[in-house]
Amino acid sequence: MPHLESPGERIFYFERGTERLPLLFVHGAGGAHSNWLTLIRELKPRRCITVDLSGHGLSGGDGYDTIEEYAEVVKNFVSALLANTKIIAVGHSMGGLVATCFAFQNSDFVAGLILVS
C-alpha cells in the first residue's frame, strides 16, 4: 500500500489513472480514502489520488485541531508526490474546508477546486 513520508507523518494514498491534471480527493472528518473509491472508478482513465489525512484511515499520526494544520499536510503531500504538477482539489465536508484553505494558501499548486456538500 502506498504511503508517503511527510515531515513527521506517514500519509496513505491511493492512486488510479494517468490522464490529464490529477484530481486530489480530500475526505471529511472521520472519513478515509475509501469514501471516494466508487467515484474514481467511474472517472478512469483520469488520474485520481485519494489521501487519508493524519489520524484517519490508513495514515499514521493523530488528527489535528485546525483546518490550517490539515491544509499543511495536503501541501506537504502535494509537494512531495506531485512536484511541479498542478492539481484540481476535491473536498467533501471538512475536506472541502481543507481543500479551500490549501488552494487559498497555495494557488501555485492548484488549477481548480471542487467542493462536495
PDB file of N, CA and C in Angstrom:
ATOM      1  N   MET A   1       0.837  -1.174   0.000  1.00  0.00           N
ATOM      2  CA  MET A   1       0.000   0.000   0.000  1.00  0.00           C
ATOM      3  C   MET A   1       0.884   1.240   0.000  1.00  0.00           C
ATOM      4  N   PRO A   2       0.566   2.184  -0.845  1.00  0.00           N
ATOM      5  CA  PRO A   2       1.454   3.353  -0.949  1.00  0.00           C
ATOM      6  C   PRO A   2       1.294   4.312   0.228  1.00  0.00           C
ATOM      7  N   HIS A   3       2.408   4.690   0.769  1.00  0.00           N
ATOM      8  CA  HIS A   3       2.464   5.698   1.817  1.00  0.00           C
ATOM      9  C   HIS A   3       3.510   6.720   1.415  1.00  0.00           C
ATOM     10  N   LEU A   4       3.325   7.919   1.877  1.00  0.00           N
ATOM     11  CA  LEU A   4       4.295   8.978   1.633  1.00  0.00           C
ATOM     12  C   LEU A   4       4.757   9.482   2.982  1.00  0.00           C
ATOM     13  N   GLU A   5       6.047   9.503   3.159  1.00  0.00           N
ATOM     14  CA  GLU A   5       6.590  10.039   4.402  1.00  0.00           C
ATOM     15  C   GLU A   5       6.623  11.552   4.268  1.00  0.00           C
ATOM     16  N   SER A   6       5.855  12.194   5.097  1.00  0.00           N
ATOM     17  CA  SER A   6       5.791  13.644   5.144  1.00  0.00           C
ATOM     18  C   SER A   6       6.451  14.057   6.452  1.00  0.00           C
ATOM     19  N   PRO A   7       6.826  15.320   6.617  1.00  0.00           N
ATOM     20  CA  PRO A   7       7.513  15.695   7.859  1.00  0.00           C
ATOM     21  C   PRO A   7       6.791  15.180   9.111  1.00  0.00           C
ATOM     22  N   GLY A   8       7.379  14.155   9.732  1.00  0.00           N
ATOM     23  CA  GLY A   8       6.850  13.608  10.961  1.00  0.00           C
ATOM     24  C   GLY A   8       5.601  12.759  10.812  1.00  0.00           C
ATOM     25  N   GLU A   9       5.214  12.430   9.576  1.00  0.00           N
ATOM     26  CA  GLU A   9       3.975  11.690   9.373  1.00  0.00           C
ATOM     27  C   GLU A   9       4.123  10.661   8.262  1.00  0.00           C
ATOM     28  N   ARG A  10       3.261   9.677   8.320  1.00  0.00           N
ATOM     29  CA  ARG A  10       3.180   8.669   7.267  1.00  0.00           C
ATOM     30  C   ARG A  10       1.770   8.755   6.695  1.00  0.00           C
ATOM     31  N   ILE A  11       1.660   9.239   5.461  1.00  0.00           N
ATOM     32  CA  ILE A  11       0.367   9.514   4.841  1.00  0.00           C
ATOM     33  C   ILE A  11       0.066   8.440   3.793  1.00  0.00           C
ATOM     34  N   PHE A  12      -1.093   7.798   3.936  1.00  0.00           N
ATOM     35  CA  PHE A  12      -1.536   6.800   2.972  1.00  0.00           C
ATOM     36  C   PHE A  12      -2.271   7.498   1.823  1.00  0.00           C
ATOM     37  N   TYR A  13      -2.078   6.954   0.612  1.00  0.00           N
ATOM     38  CA  TYR A  13      -2.843   7.447  -0.528  1.00  0.00           C
ATOM     39  C   TYR A  13      -3.123   6.298  -1.487  1.00  0.00           C
ATOM     40  N   PHE A  14      -4.118   6.504  -2.317  1.00  0.00           N
ATOM     41  CA  PHE A  14      -4.493   5.549  -3.354  1.00  0.00           C
ATOM     42  C   PHE A  14      -4.523   6.327  -4.659  1.00  0.00           C
ATOM     43  N   GLU A  15      -3.958   5.734  -5.706  1.00  0.00           N
ATOM     44  CA  GLU A  15      -3.879   6.422  -6.988  1.00  0.00           C
ATOM     45  C   GLU A  15      -4.377   5.517  -8.099  1.00  0.00           C
ATOM     46  N   ARG A  16      -5.117   6.115  -9.026  1.00  0.00           N
ATOM     47  CA  ARG A  16      -5.628   5.358 -10.171  1.00  0.00           C
ATOM     48  C   ARG A  16      -5.651   6.292 -11.386  1.00  0.00           C
ATOM     49  N   GLY A  17      -5.323   5.749 -12.542  1.00  0.00           N
ATOM     50  CA  GLY A  17      -5.367   6.512 -13.782  1.00  0.00           C
ATOM     51  C   GLY A  17      -4.106   7.318 -14.024  1.00  0.00           C
ATOM     52  N   THR A  18      -3.991   7.810 -15.258  1.00  0.00           N
ATOM     53  CA  THR A  18      -2.782   8.536 -15.633  1.00  0.00           C
ATOM     54  C   THR A  18      -3.049   9.789 -16.460  1.00  0.00           C
ATOM     55  N   GLU A  19      -4.266   9.980 -16.917  1.00  0.00           N
ATOM     56  CA  GLU A  19      -4.521  11.050 -17.880  1.00  0.00           C
ATOM     57  C   GLU A  19      -4.959  12.357 -17.229  1.00  0.00           C
ATOM     58  N   ARG A  20      -4.530  13.460 -17.848  1.00  0.00           N
ATOM     59  CA  ARG A  20      -4.948  14.817 -17.515  1.00  0.00           C
ATOM     60  C   ARG A  20      -4.446  15.275 -16.153  1.00  0.00           C
ATOM     61  N   LEU A  21      -4.826  16.500 -15.786  1.00  0.00           N
ATOM     62  CA  LEU A  21      -4.443  17.014 -14.474  1.00  0.00           C
ATOM     63  C   LEU A  21      -4.997  16.102 -13.389  1.00  0.00           C
ATOM     64  N   PRO A  22      -4.207  15.832 -12.367  1.00  0.00           N
ATOM     65  CA  PRO A  22      -4.712  14.953 -11.314  1.00  0.00           C
ATOM     66  C   PRO A  22      -5.799  15.624 -10.480  1.00  0.00           C
ATOM     67  N   LEU A  23      -6.780  14.816 -10.106  1.00  0.00           N
ATOM     68  CA  LEU A  23      -7.773  15.217  -9.121  1.00  0.00           C
ATOM     69  C   LEU A  23      -7.287  14.681  -7.780  1.00  0.00           C
ATOM     70  N   LEU A  24      -7.191  15.546  -6.773  1.00  0.00           N
ATOM     71  CA  LEU A  24      -6.787  15.133  -5.435  1.00  0.00           C
ATOM     72  C   LEU A  24      -8.009  15.213  -4.533  1.00  0.00           C
ATOM     73  N   PHE A  25      -8.445  14.063  -4.026  1.00  0.00           N
ATOM     74  CA  PHE A  25      -9.656  13.958  -3.221  1.00  0.00           C
ATOM     75  C   PHE A  25      -9.318  13.990  -1.732  1.00  0.00           C
ATOM     76  N   VAL A  26     -10.005  14.886  -0.992  1.00  0.00           N
ATOM     77  CA  VAL A  26      -9.794  15.039   0.444  1.00  0.00           C
ATOM     78  C   VAL A  26     -11.115  14.720   1.154  1.00  0.00           C
ATOM     79  N   HIS A  27     -11.094  13.730   2.012  1.00  0.00           N
ATOM     80  CA  HIS A  27     -12.291  13.261   2.716  1.00  0.00           C
ATOM     81  C   HIS A  27     -12.678  14.191   3.862  1.00  0.00           C
ATOM     82  N   GLY A  28     -13.862  13.974   4.402  1.00  0.00           N
ATOM     83  CA  GLY A  28     -14.347  14.735   5.549  1.00  0.00           C
ATOM     84  C   GLY A  28     -13.882  14.141   6.869  1.00  0.00           C
ATOM     85  N   ALA A  29     -14.284  14.779   7.963  1.00  0.00           N
ATOM     86  CA  ALA A  29     -13.917  14.325   9.311  1.00  0.00           C
ATOM     87  C   ALA A  29     -14.407  12.903   9.529  1.00  0.00           C
ATOM     88  N   GLY A  30     -13.525  12.062  10.044  1.00  0.00           N
ATOM     89  CA  GLY A  30     -13.862  10.671  10.297  1.00  0.00           C
ATOM     90  C   GLY A  30     -13.878   9.801   9.058  1.00  0.00           C
ATOM     91  N   GLY A  31     -13.598  10.387   7.891  1.00  0.00           N
ATOM     92  CA  GLY A  31     -13.606   9.646   6.635  1.00  0.00           C
ATOM     93  C   GLY A  31     -12.245   9.082   6.290  1.00  0.00           C
ATOM     94  N   ALA A  32     -12.153   8.589   5.067  1.00  0.00           N
ATOM     95  CA  ALA A  32     -10.902   7.996   4.579  1.00  0.00           C
ATOM     96  C   ALA A  32     -10.935   7.970   3.055  1.00  0.00           C
ATOM     97  N   HIS A  33      -9.824   7.546   2.470  1.00  0.00           N
ATOM     98  CA  HIS A  33      -9.718   7.453   1.008  1.00  0.00           C
ATOM     99  C   HIS A  33     -10.844   6.620   0.416  1.00  0.00           C
ATOM    100  N   SER A  34     -11.298   5.623   1.161  1.00  0.00           N
ATOM    101  CA  SER A  34     -12.315   4.697   0.650  1.00  0.00           C
ATOM    102  C   SER A  34     -13.644   5.373   0.352  1.00  0.00           C
ATOM    103  N   ASN A  35     -13.882   6.564   0.919  1.00  0.00           N
ATOM    104  CA  ASN A  35     -15.109   7.305   0.613  1.00  0.00           C
ATOM    105  C   ASN A  35     -15.213   7.660  -0.867  1.00  0.00           C
ATOM    106  N   TRP A  36     -14.099   7.708  -1.547  1.00  0.00           N
ATOM    107  CA  TRP A  36     -14.050   8.183  -2.934  1.00  0.00           C
ATOM    108  C   TRP A  36     -13.920   7.059  -3.970  1.00  0.00           C
ATOM    109  N   LEU A  37     -13.717   5.823  -3.558  1.00  0.00           N
ATOM    110  CA  LEU A  37     -13.342   4.764  -4.499  1.00  0.00           C
ATOM    111  C   LEU A  37     -14.390   4.502  -5.573  1.00  0.00           C
ATOM    112  N   THR A  38     -15.662   4.506  -5.239  1.00  0.00           N
ATOM    113  CA  THR A  38     -16.707   4.273  -6.244  1.00  0.00           C
ATOM    114  C   THR A  38     -16.675   5.371  -7.300  1.00  0.00           C
ATOM    115  N   LEU A  39     -16.528   6.610  -6.869  1.00  0.00           N
ATOM    116  CA  LEU A  39     -16.491   7.736  -7.803  1.00  0.00           C
ATOM    117  C   LEU A  39     -15.285   7.660  -8.727  1.00  0.00           C
ATOM    118  N   ILE A  40     -14.103   7.387  -8.176  1.00  0.00           N
ATOM    119  CA  ILE A  40     -12.924   7.424  -9.044  1.00  0.00           C
ATOM    120  C   ILE A  40     -12.887   6.262 -10.030  1.00  0.00           C
ATOM    121  N   ARG A  41     -13.559   5.163  -9.712  1.00  0.00           N
ATOM    122  CA  ARG A  41     -13.663   4.081 -10.706  1.00  0.00           C
ATOM    123  C   ARG A  41     -14.380   4.582 -11.959  1.00  0.00           C
ATOM    124  N   GLU A  42     -15.350   5.446 -11.775  1.00  0.00           N
ATOM    125  CA  GLU A  42     -16.118   5.998 -12.897  1.00  0.00           C
ATOM    126  C   GLU A  42     -15.322   7.028 -13.700  1.00  0.00           C
ATOM    127  N   LEU A  43     -14.275   7.572 -13.111  1.00  0.00           N
ATOM    128  CA  LEU A  43     -13.500   8.622 -13.770  1.00  0.00           C
ATOM    129  C   LEU A  43     -12.304   8.099 -14.565  1.00  0.00           C
ATOM    130  N   LYS A  44     -12.082   6.782 -14.537  1.00  0.00           N
ATOM    131  CA  LYS A  44     -10.978   6.184 -15.275  1.00  0.00           C
ATOM    132  C   LYS A  44     -11.090   6.555 -16.742  1.00  0.00           C
ATOM    133  N   PRO A  45     -10.045   6.966 -17.400  1.00  0.00           N
ATOM    134  CA  PRO A  45      -8.618   6.884 -17.099  1.00  0.00           C
ATOM    135  C   PRO A  45      -8.042   8.146 -16.436  1.00  0.00           C
ATOM    136  N   ARG A  46      -8.878   9.054 -15.978  1.00  0.00           N
ATOM    137  CA  ARG A  46      -8.416  10.286 -15.328  1.00  0.00           C
ATOM    138  C   ARG A  46      -7.534   9.944 -14.130  1.00  0.00           C
ATOM    139  N   ARG A  47      -6.477  10.689 -13.945  1.00  0.00           N
ATOM    140  CA  ARG A  47      -5.598  10.470 -12.791  1.00  0.00           C
ATOM    141  C   ARG A  47      -6.303  10.993 -11.540  1.00  0.00           C
ATOM    142  N   CYS A  48      -6.546  10.105 -10.604  1.00  0.00           N
ATOM    143  CA  CYS A  48      -7.215  10.433  -9.351  1.00  0.00           C
ATOM    144  C   CYS A  48      -6.362   9.949  -8.186  1.00  0.00           C
ATOM    145  N   ILE A  49      -6.234  10.797  -7.179  1.00  0.00           N
ATOM    146  CA  ILE A  49      -5.462  10.455  -5.991  1.00  0.00           C
ATOM    147  C   ILE A  49      -6.342  10.752  -4.780  1.00  0.00           C
ATOM    148  N   THR A  50      -6.503   9.755  -3.916  1.00  0.00           N
ATOM    149  CA  THR A  50      -7.210   9.958  -2.659  1.00  0.00           C
ATOM    150  C   THR A  50      -6.190   9.866  -1.538  1.00  0.00           C
ATOM    151  N   VAL A  51      -6.353  10.701  -0.554  1.00  0.00           N
ATOM    152  CA  VAL A  51      -5.388  10.761   0.540  1.00  0.00           C
ATOM    153  C   VAL A  51      -6.130  10.580   1.860  1.00  0.00           C
ATOM    154  N   ASP A  52      -5.519   9.846   2.786  1.00  0.00           N
ATOM    155  CA  ASP A  52      -6.027   9.760   4.153  1.00  0.00           C
ATOM    156  C   ASP A  52      -5.312  10.821   4.980  1.00  0.00           C
ATOM    157  N   LEU A  53      -6.072  11.760   5.512  1.00  0.00           N
ATOM    158  CA  LEU A  53      -5.473  12.787   6.356  1.00  0.00           C
ATOM    159  C   LEU A  53      -4.911  12.157   7.626  1.00  0.00           C
ATOM    160  N   SER A  54      -4.036  12.855   8.285  1.00  0.00           N
ATOM    161  CA  SER A  54      -3.425  12.378   9.527  1.00  0.00           C
ATOM    162  C   SER A  54      -4.504  11.939  10.516  1.00  0.00           C
ATOM    163  N   GLY A  55      -4.279  10.763  11.129  1.00  0.00           N
ATOM    164  CA  GLY A  55      -5.217  10.259  12.113  1.00  0.00           C
ATOM    165  C   GLY A  55      -6.483   9.669  11.523  1.00  0.00           C
ATOM    166  N   HIS A  56      -6.525   9.481  10.207  1.00  0.00           N
ATOM    167  CA  HIS A  56      -7.695   8.939   9.521  1.00  0.00           C
ATOM    168  C   HIS A  56      -7.274   7.750   8.654  1.00  0.00           C
ATOM    169  N   GLY A  57      -8.200   6.829   8.452  1.00  0.00           N
ATOM    170  CA  GLY A  57      -7.961   5.715   7.544  1.00  0.00           C
ATOM    171  C   GLY A  57      -6.669   4.981   7.842  1.00  0.00           C
ATOM    172  N   LEU A  58      -5.838   4.846   6.828  1.00  0.00           N
ATOM    173  CA  LEU A  58      -4.589   4.092   6.945  1.00  0.00           C
ATOM    174  C   LEU A  58      -3.363   4.967   7.187  1.00  0.00           C
ATOM    175  N   SER A  59      -3.583   6.264   7.420  1.00  0.00           N
ATOM    176  CA  SER A  59      -2.467   7.163   7.728  1.00  0.00           C
ATOM    177  C   SER A  59      -2.138   7.099   9.208  1.00  0.00           C
ATOM    178  N   GLY A  60      -0.898   7.390   9.510  1.00  0.00           N
ATOM    179  CA  GLY A  60      -0.469   7.413  10.895  1.00  0.00           C
ATOM    180  C   GLY A  60      -0.748   8.749  11.553  1.00  0.00           C
ATOM    181  N   GLY A  61      -0.306   8.861  12.758  1.00  0.00           N
ATOM    182  CA  GLY A  61      -0.404  10.116  13.482  1.00  0.00           C
ATOM    183  C   GLY A  61      -1.764  10.346  14.109  1.00  0.00           C
ATOM    184  N   ASP A  62      -1.858  11.479  14.750  1.00  0.00           N
ATOM    185  CA  ASP A  62      -3.098  11.891  15.384  1.00  0.00           C
ATOM    186  C   ASP A  62      -3.791  12.910  14.490  1.00  0.00           C
ATOM    187  N   GLY A  63      -5.074  13.052  14.661  1.00  0.00           N
ATOM    188  CA  GLY A  63      -5.796  14.088  13.945  1.00  0.00           C
ATOM    189  C   GLY A  63      -5.371  15.461  14.459  1.00  0.00           C
ATOM    190  N   TYR A  64      -5.685  16.482  13.691  1.00  0.00           N
ATOM    191  CA  TYR A  64      -5.336  17.849  14.075  1.00  0.00           C
ATOM    192  C   TYR A  64      -6.554  18.610  14.568  1.00  0.00           C
ATOM    193  N   ASP A  65      -6.305  19.755  15.176  1.00  0.00           N
ATOM    194  CA  ASP A  65      -7.361  20.589  15.720  1.00  0.00           C
ATOM    195  C   ASP A  65      -7.830  21.674  14.760  1.00  0.00           C
ATOM    196  N   THR A  66      -7.024  21.975  13.729  1.00  0.00           N
ATOM    197  CA  THR A  66      -7.397  23.081  12.843  1.00  0.00           C
ATOM    198  C   THR A  66      -7.352  22.666  11.371  1.00  0.00           C
ATOM    199  N   ILE A  67      -8.152  23.355  10.592  1.00  0.00           N
ATOM    200  CA  ILE A  67      -8.171  23.158   9.141  1.00  0.00           C
ATOM    201  C   ILE A  67      -6.814  23.522   8.553  1.00  0.00           C
ATOM    202  N   GLU A  68      -6.194  24.565   9.072  1.00  0.00           N
ATOM    203  CA  GLU A  68      -4.892  25.001   8.567  1.00  0.00           C
ATOM    204  C   GLU A  68      -3.829  23.925   8.721  1.00  0.00           C
ATOM    205  N   GLU A  69      -3.886  23.165   9.818  1.00  0.00           N
ATOM    206  CA  GLU A  69      -2.915  22.090  10.011  1.00  0.00           C
ATOM    207  C   GLU A  69      -3.127  20.976   8.976  1.00  0.00           C
ATOM    208  N   TYR A  70      -4.384  20.638   8.708  1.00  0.00           N
ATOM    209  CA  TYR A  70      -4.654  19.637   7.673  1.00  0.00           C
ATOM    210  C   TYR A  70      -4.243  20.163   6.294  1.00  0.00           C
ATOM    211  N   ALA A  71      -4.462  21.449   6.040  1.00  0.00           N
ATOM    212  CA  ALA A  71      -4.052  22.035   4.757  1.00  0.00           C
ATOM    213  C   ALA A  71      -2.537  21.949   4.581  1.00  0.00           C
ATOM    214  N   GLU A  72      -1.808  22.067   5.669  1.00  0.00           N
ATOM    215  CA  GLU A  72      -0.344  21.926   5.614  1.00  0.00           C
ATOM    216  C   GLU A  72       0.046  20.487   5.279  1.00  0.00           C
ATOM    217  N   VAL A  73      -0.695  19.509   5.797  1.00  0.00           N
ATOM    218  CA  VAL A  73      -0.463  18.107   5.445  1.00  0.00           C
ATOM    219  C   VAL A  73      -0.651  17.910   3.946  1.00  0.00           C
ATOM    220  N   VAL A  74      -1.727  18.489   3.408  1.00  0.00           N
ATOM    221  CA  VAL A  74      -2.005  18.381   1.970  1.00  0.00           C
ATOM    222  C   VAL A  74      -0.890  19.055   1.178  1.00  0.00           C
ATOM    223  N   LYS A  75      -0.445  20.208   1.620  1.00  0.00           N
ATOM    224  CA  LYS A  75       0.649  20.900   0.925  1.00  0.00           C
ATOM    225  C   LYS A  75       1.909  20.038   0.895  1.00  0.00           C
ATOM    226  N   ASN A  76       2.273  19.462   2.035  1.00  0.00           N
ATOM    227  CA  ASN A  76       3.464  18.611   2.087  1.00  0.00           C
ATOM    228  C   ASN A  76       3.311  17.395   1.182  1.00  0.00           C
ATOM    229  N   PHE A  77       2.111  16.826   1.169  1.00  0.00           N
ATOM    230  CA  PHE A  77       1.826  15.675   0.325  1.00  0.00           C
ATOM    231  C   PHE A  77       1.980  16.038  -1.152  1.00  0.00           C
ATOM    232  N   VAL A  78       1.330  17.117  -1.571  1.00  0.00           N
ATOM    233  CA  VAL A  78       1.381  17.539  -2.974  1.00  0.00           C
ATOM    234  C   VAL A  78       2.803  17.906  -3.372  1.00  0.00           C
ATOM    235  N   SER A  79       3.505  18.604  -2.508  1.00  0.00           N
ATOM    236  CA  SER A  79       4.895  18.989  -2.804  1.00  0.00           C
ATOM    237  C   SER A  79       5.784  17.775  -3.027  1.00  0.00           C
ATOM    238  N   ALA A  80       5.581  16.737  -2.232  1.00  0.00           N
ATOM    239  CA  ALA A  80       6.427  15.554  -2.331  1.00  0.00           C
ATOM    240  C   ALA A  80       6.039  14.637  -3.485  1.00  0.00           C
ATOM    241  N   LEU A  81       4.742  14.410  -3.671  1.00  0.00           N
ATOM    242  CA  LEU A  81       4.299  13.438  -4.672  1.00  0.00           C
ATOM    243  C   LEU A  81       4.129  14.046  -6.061  1.00  0.00           C
ATOM    244  N   LEU A  82       3.718  15.294  -6.103  1.00  0.00           N
ATOM    245  CA  LEU A  82       3.333  15.898  -7.382  1.00  0.00           C
ATOM    246  C   LEU A  82       4.110  17.176  -7.674  1.00  0.00           C
ATOM    247  N   ALA A  83       5.378  17.191  -7.346  1.00  0.00           N
ATOM    248  CA  ALA A  83       6.190  18.379  -7.572  1.00  0.00           C
ATOM    249  C   ALA A  83       6.056  18.864  -9.010  1.00  0.00           C
ATOM    250  N   ASN A  84       5.868  20.150  -9.166  1.00  0.00           N
ATOM    251  CA  ASN A  84       5.758  20.808 -10.479  1.00  0.00           C
ATOM    252  C   ASN A  84       4.528  20.382 -11.278  1.00  0.00           C
ATOM    253  N   THR A  85       3.504  19.866 -10.600  1.00  0.00           N
ATOM    254  CA  THR A  85       2.259  19.485 -11.262  1.00  0.00           C
ATOM    255  C   THR A  85       1.107  20.188 -10.558  1.00  0.00           C
ATOM    256  N   LYS A  86       0.285  20.868 -11.315  1.00  0.00           N
ATOM    257  CA  LYS A  86      -0.918  21.457 -10.727  1.00  0.00           C
ATOM    258  C   LYS A  86      -1.957  20.372 -10.529  1.00  0.00           C
ATOM    259  N   ILE A  87      -2.834  20.584  -9.543  1.00  0.00           N
ATOM    260  CA  ILE A  87      -3.887  19.625  -9.249  1.00  0.00           C
ATOM    261  C   ILE A  87      -5.239  20.331  -9.244  1.00  0.00           C
ATOM    262  N   ILE A  88      -6.279  19.533  -9.299  1.00  0.00           N
ATOM    263  CA  ILE A  88      -7.619  20.009  -9.006  1.00  0.00           C
ATOM    264  C   ILE A  88      -7.983  19.374  -7.672  1.00  0.00           C
ATOM    265  N   ALA A  89      -8.190  20.210  -6.658  1.00  0.00           N
ATOM    266  CA  ALA A  89      -8.506  19.721  -5.315  1.00  0.00           C
ATOM    267  C   ALA A  89     -10.008  19.490  -5.214  1.00  0.00           C
ATOM    268  N   VAL A  90     -10.375  18.325  -4.676  1.00  0.00           N
ATOM    269  CA  VAL A  90     -11.776  17.963  -4.479  1.00  0.00           C
ATOM    270  C   VAL A  90     -11.954  17.652  -3.001  1.00  0.00           C
ATOM    271  N   GLY A  91     -12.882  18.344  -2.350  1.00  0.00           N
ATOM    272  CA  GLY A  91     -13.077  18.123  -0.931  1.00  0.00           C
ATOM    273  C   GLY A  91     -14.529  17.938  -0.566  1.00  0.00           C
ATOM    274  N   HIS A  92     -14.760  17.042   0.396  1.00  0.00           N
ATOM    275  CA  HIS A  92     -16.101  16.787   0.912  1.00  0.00           C
ATOM    276  C   HIS A  92     -16.166  17.209   2.379  1.00  0.00           C
ATOM    277  N   SER A  93     -17.191  17.987   2.731  1.00  0.00           N
ATOM    278  CA  SER A  93     -17.433  18.383   4.112  1.00  0.00           C
ATOM    279  C   SER A  93     -16.177  19.045   4.688  1.00  0.00           C
ATOM    280  N   MET A  94     -15.620  18.528   5.785  1.00  0.00           N
ATOM    281  CA  MET A  94     -14.403  19.111   6.344  1.00  0.00           C
ATOM    282  C   MET A  94     -13.284  19.119   5.300  1.00  0.00           C
ATOM    283  N   GLY A  95     -13.246  18.096   4.454  1.00  0.00           N
ATOM    284  CA  GLY A  95     -12.251  18.052   3.386  1.00  0.00           C
ATOM    285  C   GLY A  95     -12.405  19.216   2.417  1.00  0.00           C
ATOM    286  N   GLY A  96     -13.628  19.719   2.274  1.00  0.00           N
ATOM    287  CA  GLY A  96     -13.856  20.910   1.458  1.00  0.00           C
ATOM    288  C   GLY A  96     -13.203  22.133   2.072  1.00  0.00           C
ATOM    289  N   LEU A  97     -13.274  22.239   3.393  1.00  0.00           N
ATOM    290  CA  LEU A  97     -12.583  23.335   4.078  1.00  0.00           C
ATOM    291  C   LEU A  97     -11.073  23.198   3.925  1.00  0.00           C
ATOM    292  N   VAL A  98     -10.588  21.980   4.079  1.00  0.00           N
ATOM    293  CA  VAL A  98      -9.143  21.727   3.932  1.00  0.00           C
ATOM    294  C   VAL A  98      -8.700  22.080   2.513  1.00  0.00           C
ATOM    295  N   ALA A  99      -9.456  21.606   1.505  1.00  0.00           N
ATOM    296  CA  ALA A  99      -9.102  21.881   0.106  1.00  0.00           C
ATOM    297  C   ALA A  99      -9.147  23.380  -0.187  1.00  0.00           C
ATOM    298  N   THR A 100     -10.148  24.077   0.358  1.00  0.00           N
ATOM    299  CA  THR A 100     -10.260  25.524   0.147  1.00  0.00           C
ATOM    300  C   THR A 100      -9.091  26.262   0.783  1.00  0.00           C
ATOM    301  N   CYS A 101      -8.759  25.903   2.014  1.00  0.00           N
ATOM    302  CA  CYS A 101      -7.629  26.531   2.705  1.00  0.00           C
ATOM    303  C   CYS A 101      -6.332  26.259   1.955  1.00  0.00           C
ATOM    304  N   PHE A 102      -6.137  25.005   1.545  1.00  0.00           N
ATOM    305  CA  PHE A 102      -4.943  24.641   0.776  1.00  0.00           C
ATOM    306  C   PHE A 102      -4.863  25.458  -0.504  1.00  0.00           C
ATOM    307  N   ALA A 103      -5.973  25.544  -1.241  1.00  0.00           N
ATOM    308  CA  ALA A 103      -5.987  26.279  -2.515  1.00  0.00           C
ATOM    309  C   ALA A 103      -5.703  27.762  -2.297  1.00  0.00           C
ATOM    310  N   PHE A 104      -6.293  28.330  -1.269  1.00  0.00           N
ATOM    311  CA  PHE A 104      -6.092  29.754  -0.975  1.00  0.00           C
ATOM    312  C   PHE A 104      -4.639  30.049  -0.637  1.00  0.00           C
ATOM    313  N   GLN A 105      -4.025  29.188   0.150  1.00  0.00           N
ATOM    314  CA  GLN A 105      -2.649  29.412   0.601  1.00  0.00           C
ATOM    315  C   GLN A 105      -1.595  28.957  -0.403  1.00  0.00           C
ATOM    316  N   ASN A 106      -1.991  28.148  -1.392  1.00  0.00           N
ATOM    317  CA  ASN A 106      -1.015  27.543  -2.316  1.00  0.00           C
ATOM    318  C   ASN A 106      -1.519  27.584  -3.749  1.00  0.00           C
ATOM    319  N   SER A 107      -1.910  28.741  -4.205  1.00  0.00           N
ATOM    320  CA  SER A 107      -2.521  28.851  -5.539  1.00  0.00           C
ATOM    321  C   SER A 107      -1.596  28.364  -6.653  1.00  0.00           C
ATOM    322  N   ASP A 108      -0.295  28.365  -6.419  1.00  0.00           N
ATOM    323  CA  ASP A 108       0.638  27.892  -7.441  1.00  0.00           C
ATOM    324  C   ASP A 108       0.530  26.386  -7.678  1.00  0.00           C
ATOM    325  N   PHE A 109      -0.078  25.643  -6.744  1.00  0.00           N
ATOM    326  CA  PHE A 109      -0.281  24.204  -6.903  1.00  0.00           C
ATOM    327  C   PHE A 109      -1.626  23.847  -7.513  1.00  0.00           C
ATOM    328  N   VAL A 110      -2.556  24.805  -7.552  1.00  0.00           N
ATOM    329  CA  VAL A 110      -3.960  24.492  -7.790  1.00  0.00           C
ATOM    330  C   VAL A 110      -4.456  25.054  -9.125  1.00  0.00           C
ATOM    331  N   ALA A 111      -5.050  24.154  -9.937  1.00  0.00           N
ATOM    332  CA  ALA A 111      -5.673  24.569 -11.197  1.00  0.00           C
ATOM    333  C   ALA A 111      -7.187  24.686 -11.043  1.00  0.00           C
ATOM    334  N   GLY A 112      -7.740  24.082  -9.987  1.00  0.00           N
ATOM    335  CA  GLY A 112      -9.180  24.139  -9.772  1.00  0.00           C
ATOM    336  C   GLY A 112      -9.552  23.605  -8.406  1.00  0.00           C
ATOM    337  N   LEU A 113     -10.798  23.870  -8.028  1.00  0.00           N
ATOM    338  CA  LEU A 113     -11.308  23.454  -6.722  1.00  0.00           C
ATOM    339  C   LEU A 113     -12.742  22.987  -6.903  1.00  0.00           C
ATOM    340  N   ILE A 114     -13.052  21.797  -6.389  1.00  0.00           N
ATOM    341  CA  ILE A 114     -14.401  21.244  -6.445  1.00  0.00           C
ATOM    342  C   ILE A 114     -14.819  20.938  -5.012  1.00  0.00           C
ATOM    343  N   LEU A 115     -15.960  21.493  -4.589  1.00  0.00           N
ATOM    344  CA  LEU A 115     -16.471  21.272  -3.247  1.00  0.00           C
ATOM    345  C   LEU A 115     -17.728  20.413  -3.322  1.00  0.00           C
ATOM    346  N   VAL A 116     -17.786  19.394  -2.479  1.00  0.00           N
ATOM    347  CA  VAL A 116     -18.911  18.461  -2.452  1.00  0.00           C
ATOM    348  C   VAL A 116     -19.561  18.562  -1.077  1.00  0.00           C
ATOM    349  N   SER A 117     -20.826  18.941  -1.056  1.00  0.00           N
ATOM    350  CA  SER A 117     -21.594  19.110   0.198  1.00  0.00           C
ATOM    351  C   SER A 117     -20.931  20.104   1.108  1.00  0.00           C
TER     352      SER A 117
END
